[in-house]
N, C-alpha and C. Protein backbone atom coordinates (compact mmCIF):
# COMPACT_ATOMS: atom_id res chain seq x y z
N UNK A 1 2.80 -21.48 -24.63
CA UNK A 1 2.75 -21.60 -23.28
C UNK A 1 2.77 -20.36 -22.58
N UNK A 2 1.81 -20.03 -21.74
CA UNK A 2 1.81 -18.67 -20.92
C UNK A 2 1.94 -18.92 -19.45
N UNK A 3 2.48 -17.89 -18.70
CA UNK A 3 2.55 -17.97 -17.27
C UNK A 3 1.89 -16.54 -16.80
N UNK A 4 0.86 -16.76 -16.00
CA UNK A 4 0.17 -15.62 -15.47
C UNK A 4 0.46 -15.46 -13.93
N UNK A 5 0.67 -14.22 -13.53
CA UNK A 5 0.82 -13.91 -12.01
C UNK A 5 -0.45 -13.05 -11.87
N UNK A 6 -1.27 -13.59 -10.87
CA UNK A 6 -2.45 -12.85 -10.51
C UNK A 6 -2.42 -12.35 -9.21
N UNK A 7 -2.78 -11.15 -8.91
CA UNK A 7 -2.83 -10.44 -7.69
C UNK A 7 -4.29 -9.96 -7.28
N UNK A 8 -4.77 -10.54 -6.08
CA UNK A 8 -6.16 -10.24 -5.76
C UNK A 8 -6.08 -9.44 -4.41
N UNK A 9 -6.69 -8.28 -4.28
CA UNK A 9 -6.72 -7.60 -3.06
C UNK A 9 -8.27 -7.15 -2.79
N UNK A 10 -8.59 -6.85 -1.47
CA UNK A 10 -9.88 -6.42 -1.20
C UNK A 10 -9.96 -4.90 -1.76
N UNK A 11 -11.07 -4.44 -2.09
CA UNK A 11 -11.27 -3.05 -2.55
C UNK A 11 -10.96 -2.11 -1.42
N UNK A 12 -10.63 -0.86 -1.76
CA UNK A 12 -10.24 0.07 -0.71
C UNK A 12 -11.46 0.35 0.11
N UNK A 13 -12.65 0.44 -0.35
CA UNK A 13 -13.70 0.51 0.52
C UNK A 13 -14.31 -0.60 1.28
N UNK A 14 -13.69 -1.74 1.27
CA UNK A 14 -14.27 -2.86 1.94
C UNK A 14 -13.22 -3.15 3.26
N UNK A 15 -13.87 -3.36 4.36
CA UNK A 15 -13.16 -3.63 5.61
C UNK A 15 -12.26 -4.90 5.43
N UNK A 16 -10.95 -4.72 5.86
CA UNK A 16 -10.10 -5.95 5.72
C UNK A 16 -9.54 -6.27 7.10
N UNK A 17 -10.25 -7.16 7.86
CA UNK A 17 -9.98 -7.32 9.26
C UNK A 17 -8.61 -8.04 9.49
N UNK A 18 -8.16 -8.84 8.59
CA UNK A 18 -6.82 -9.33 8.75
C UNK A 18 -5.81 -8.20 8.50
N UNK A 19 -5.99 -7.40 7.63
CA UNK A 19 -4.95 -6.25 7.45
C UNK A 19 -5.12 -5.34 8.64
N UNK A 20 -6.14 -5.08 9.36
CA UNK A 20 -6.18 -4.29 10.44
C UNK A 20 -5.48 -5.10 11.70
N UNK A 21 -5.59 -6.29 11.72
CA UNK A 21 -4.94 -7.14 12.67
C UNK A 21 -3.38 -7.13 12.61
N UNK A 22 -2.96 -7.16 11.39
CA UNK A 22 -1.49 -7.05 11.12
C UNK A 22 -1.07 -5.79 11.34
N UNK A 23 -1.87 -4.59 10.96
CA UNK A 23 -1.41 -3.36 11.29
C UNK A 23 -1.22 -2.99 12.63
N UNK A 24 -2.24 -3.60 13.51
CA UNK A 24 -2.17 -3.37 14.99
C UNK A 24 -0.97 -4.11 15.58
N UNK A 25 -0.57 -5.33 15.00
CA UNK A 25 0.50 -6.02 15.41
C UNK A 25 1.84 -5.13 15.05
N UNK A 26 1.95 -4.65 13.98
CA UNK A 26 3.09 -3.90 13.58
C UNK A 26 3.17 -2.65 14.55
N UNK A 27 2.12 -2.00 14.76
CA UNK A 27 2.19 -0.85 15.67
C UNK A 27 2.64 -1.35 17.12
N UNK A 28 2.27 -2.60 17.59
CA UNK A 28 2.71 -3.02 18.97
C UNK A 28 4.23 -3.32 18.93
N UNK A 29 4.61 -3.72 17.65
CA UNK A 29 6.07 -4.08 17.62
C UNK A 29 7.05 -2.61 17.22
N UNK A 30 6.32 -1.62 17.43
CA UNK A 30 7.03 -0.30 17.16
C UNK A 30 7.02 0.28 15.88
N UNK A 31 6.37 -0.22 14.88
CA UNK A 31 6.29 0.22 13.50
C UNK A 31 5.07 1.19 13.39
N UNK A 32 5.10 2.26 14.15
CA UNK A 32 3.94 3.08 14.22
C UNK A 32 3.61 3.99 12.92
N UNK A 33 4.62 3.96 11.92
CA UNK A 33 4.49 4.74 10.74
C UNK A 33 3.51 3.93 9.79
N UNK A 34 3.29 2.73 9.95
CA UNK A 34 2.33 1.94 9.13
C UNK A 34 1.02 2.38 9.12
N UNK A 35 0.71 2.95 8.04
CA UNK A 35 -0.91 3.51 8.06
C UNK A 35 -2.05 2.65 7.77
N UNK A 36 -1.62 1.70 6.80
CA UNK A 36 -2.66 0.72 6.36
C UNK A 36 -1.94 -0.52 5.79
N UNK A 37 -2.77 -1.63 6.11
CA UNK A 37 -2.19 -3.11 5.57
C UNK A 37 -3.52 -3.50 4.99
N UNK A 38 -3.23 -4.10 3.65
CA UNK A 38 -4.16 -4.81 2.94
C UNK A 38 -3.68 -6.16 2.71
N UNK A 39 -4.42 -7.22 3.10
CA UNK A 39 -4.04 -8.67 2.82
C UNK A 39 -4.73 -9.07 1.46
N UNK A 40 -3.98 -9.86 0.71
CA UNK A 40 -4.58 -10.25 -0.58
C UNK A 40 -4.00 -11.64 -0.88
N UNK A 41 -4.03 -11.91 -2.28
CA UNK A 41 -3.87 -13.28 -2.66
C UNK A 41 -2.96 -13.17 -3.77
N UNK A 42 -1.98 -14.13 -4.03
CA UNK A 42 -1.21 -14.27 -5.09
C UNK A 42 -1.28 -15.64 -5.78
N UNK A 43 -1.35 -15.62 -7.07
CA UNK A 43 -1.50 -16.95 -7.71
C UNK A 43 -0.64 -17.07 -8.98
N UNK A 44 -0.06 -18.04 -9.25
CA UNK A 44 0.66 -18.18 -10.47
C UNK A 44 -0.05 -19.32 -11.33
N UNK A 45 -0.40 -19.22 -12.64
CA UNK A 45 -0.94 -20.12 -13.43
C UNK A 45 -0.10 -20.37 -14.65
N UNK A 46 -0.06 -21.66 -15.20
CA UNK A 46 0.56 -21.76 -16.45
C UNK A 46 -0.59 -22.43 -17.26
N UNK A 47 -0.74 -22.07 -18.44
CA UNK A 47 -1.59 -22.69 -19.37
C UNK A 47 -1.17 -22.47 -20.81
N UNK A 48 -1.68 -23.50 -21.71
CA UNK A 48 -1.25 -23.57 -23.09
C UNK A 48 -2.51 -23.02 -23.89
N UNK A 49 -2.25 -21.83 -24.61
CA UNK A 49 -3.31 -21.32 -25.34
C UNK A 49 -2.75 -20.90 -26.67
N UNK A 50 -3.49 -20.73 -27.71
CA UNK A 50 -2.96 -20.48 -29.12
C UNK A 50 -2.19 -19.07 -29.16
N UNK A 51 -2.83 -18.07 -28.55
CA UNK A 51 -2.20 -16.68 -28.94
C UNK A 51 -2.35 -15.87 -27.58
N UNK A 52 -1.73 -14.80 -27.55
CA UNK A 52 -1.66 -13.97 -26.36
C UNK A 52 -3.01 -13.38 -26.16
N UNK A 53 -3.74 -12.93 -27.24
CA UNK A 53 -5.18 -12.28 -27.01
C UNK A 53 -6.10 -13.29 -26.47
N UNK A 54 -6.00 -14.59 -26.78
CA UNK A 54 -6.70 -15.64 -26.33
C UNK A 54 -6.53 -15.85 -24.86
N UNK A 55 -5.15 -15.78 -24.62
CA UNK A 55 -4.67 -16.07 -23.20
C UNK A 55 -5.20 -14.96 -22.38
N UNK A 56 -5.10 -13.73 -22.72
CA UNK A 56 -5.52 -12.63 -21.91
C UNK A 56 -7.25 -12.64 -21.72
N UNK A 57 -7.94 -13.08 -22.82
CA UNK A 57 -9.43 -13.22 -22.66
C UNK A 57 -9.67 -14.41 -21.59
N UNK A 58 -9.08 -15.50 -21.67
CA UNK A 58 -9.32 -16.55 -20.81
C UNK A 58 -8.93 -16.28 -19.41
N UNK A 59 -7.74 -15.50 -19.22
CA UNK A 59 -7.41 -15.14 -17.89
C UNK A 59 -8.36 -14.21 -17.20
N UNK A 60 -8.88 -13.26 -18.07
CA UNK A 60 -9.81 -12.19 -17.51
C UNK A 60 -11.13 -13.08 -17.16
N UNK A 61 -11.54 -13.95 -17.74
CA UNK A 61 -12.72 -14.91 -17.44
C UNK A 61 -12.47 -15.57 -16.15
N UNK A 62 -11.21 -16.15 -16.09
CA UNK A 62 -10.98 -16.81 -14.81
C UNK A 62 -11.03 -15.97 -13.67
N UNK A 63 -10.35 -14.85 -13.84
CA UNK A 63 -10.44 -13.87 -12.66
C UNK A 63 -11.97 -13.42 -12.21
N UNK A 64 -12.73 -13.21 -13.11
CA UNK A 64 -14.04 -12.83 -12.88
C UNK A 64 -14.90 -13.96 -12.28
N UNK A 65 -14.62 -15.13 -12.89
CA UNK A 65 -15.54 -16.32 -12.43
C UNK A 65 -15.16 -17.04 -11.29
N UNK A 66 -13.83 -17.00 -11.01
CA UNK A 66 -13.36 -17.91 -9.84
C UNK A 66 -12.22 -17.24 -8.94
N UNK A 67 -11.22 -16.78 -9.58
CA UNK A 67 -9.99 -16.29 -8.82
C UNK A 67 -10.31 -15.00 -7.81
N UNK A 68 -11.30 -14.14 -8.23
CA UNK A 68 -11.62 -13.07 -7.42
C UNK A 68 -13.05 -12.84 -7.24
N UNK A 69 -13.45 -12.21 -6.31
CA UNK A 69 -14.80 -11.95 -6.21
C UNK A 69 -15.08 -10.40 -6.67
N UNK A 70 -15.40 -10.16 -7.67
CA UNK A 70 -15.43 -8.67 -8.18
C UNK A 70 -16.42 -7.65 -7.35
N UNK A 71 -17.30 -8.26 -6.60
CA UNK A 71 -18.09 -7.52 -5.72
C UNK A 71 -17.17 -6.74 -4.61
N UNK A 72 -16.11 -7.50 -3.92
CA UNK A 72 -15.30 -7.16 -2.95
C UNK A 72 -13.84 -7.05 -3.10
N UNK A 73 -13.55 -7.54 -4.22
CA UNK A 73 -12.01 -7.63 -4.74
C UNK A 73 -11.65 -7.09 -5.94
N UNK A 74 -10.59 -6.53 -6.07
CA UNK A 74 -9.84 -6.00 -7.18
C UNK A 74 -8.77 -6.99 -7.73
N UNK A 75 -8.53 -7.04 -8.95
CA UNK A 75 -7.41 -7.98 -9.48
C UNK A 75 -6.61 -7.38 -10.38
N UNK A 76 -5.44 -7.83 -10.67
CA UNK A 76 -4.68 -7.41 -11.63
C UNK A 76 -3.81 -8.59 -12.08
N UNK A 77 -3.20 -8.58 -13.24
CA UNK A 77 -2.42 -9.80 -13.54
C UNK A 77 -1.24 -9.32 -14.60
N UNK A 78 -0.22 -10.20 -14.52
CA UNK A 78 0.91 -10.00 -15.50
C UNK A 78 0.86 -11.30 -16.20
N UNK A 79 1.03 -11.08 -17.61
CA UNK A 79 1.00 -12.36 -18.51
C UNK A 79 2.34 -12.42 -19.19
N UNK A 80 3.06 -13.47 -19.04
CA UNK A 80 4.37 -13.70 -19.63
C UNK A 80 4.26 -14.93 -20.57
N UNK A 81 5.09 -14.81 -21.72
CA UNK A 81 5.24 -15.85 -22.78
C UNK A 81 5.97 -17.07 -22.14
């Protein structure tokens, strides 16, 4: 049994309107030192796979095919036994 933590964020060169709105709100609240805000997604998946290499290969495919849009998003993951 493996547990994966997947982090998905917009690529640095892609406009993030949600992040810009949060940044503006923080500035309004007096947090002027905040230079940039990027909004992302966090997911936890548990799955039963034979070995770690297979788990990583399946997780990579999940990210590329469904969990992230590789055109505008970057992703990373942590895989735990």
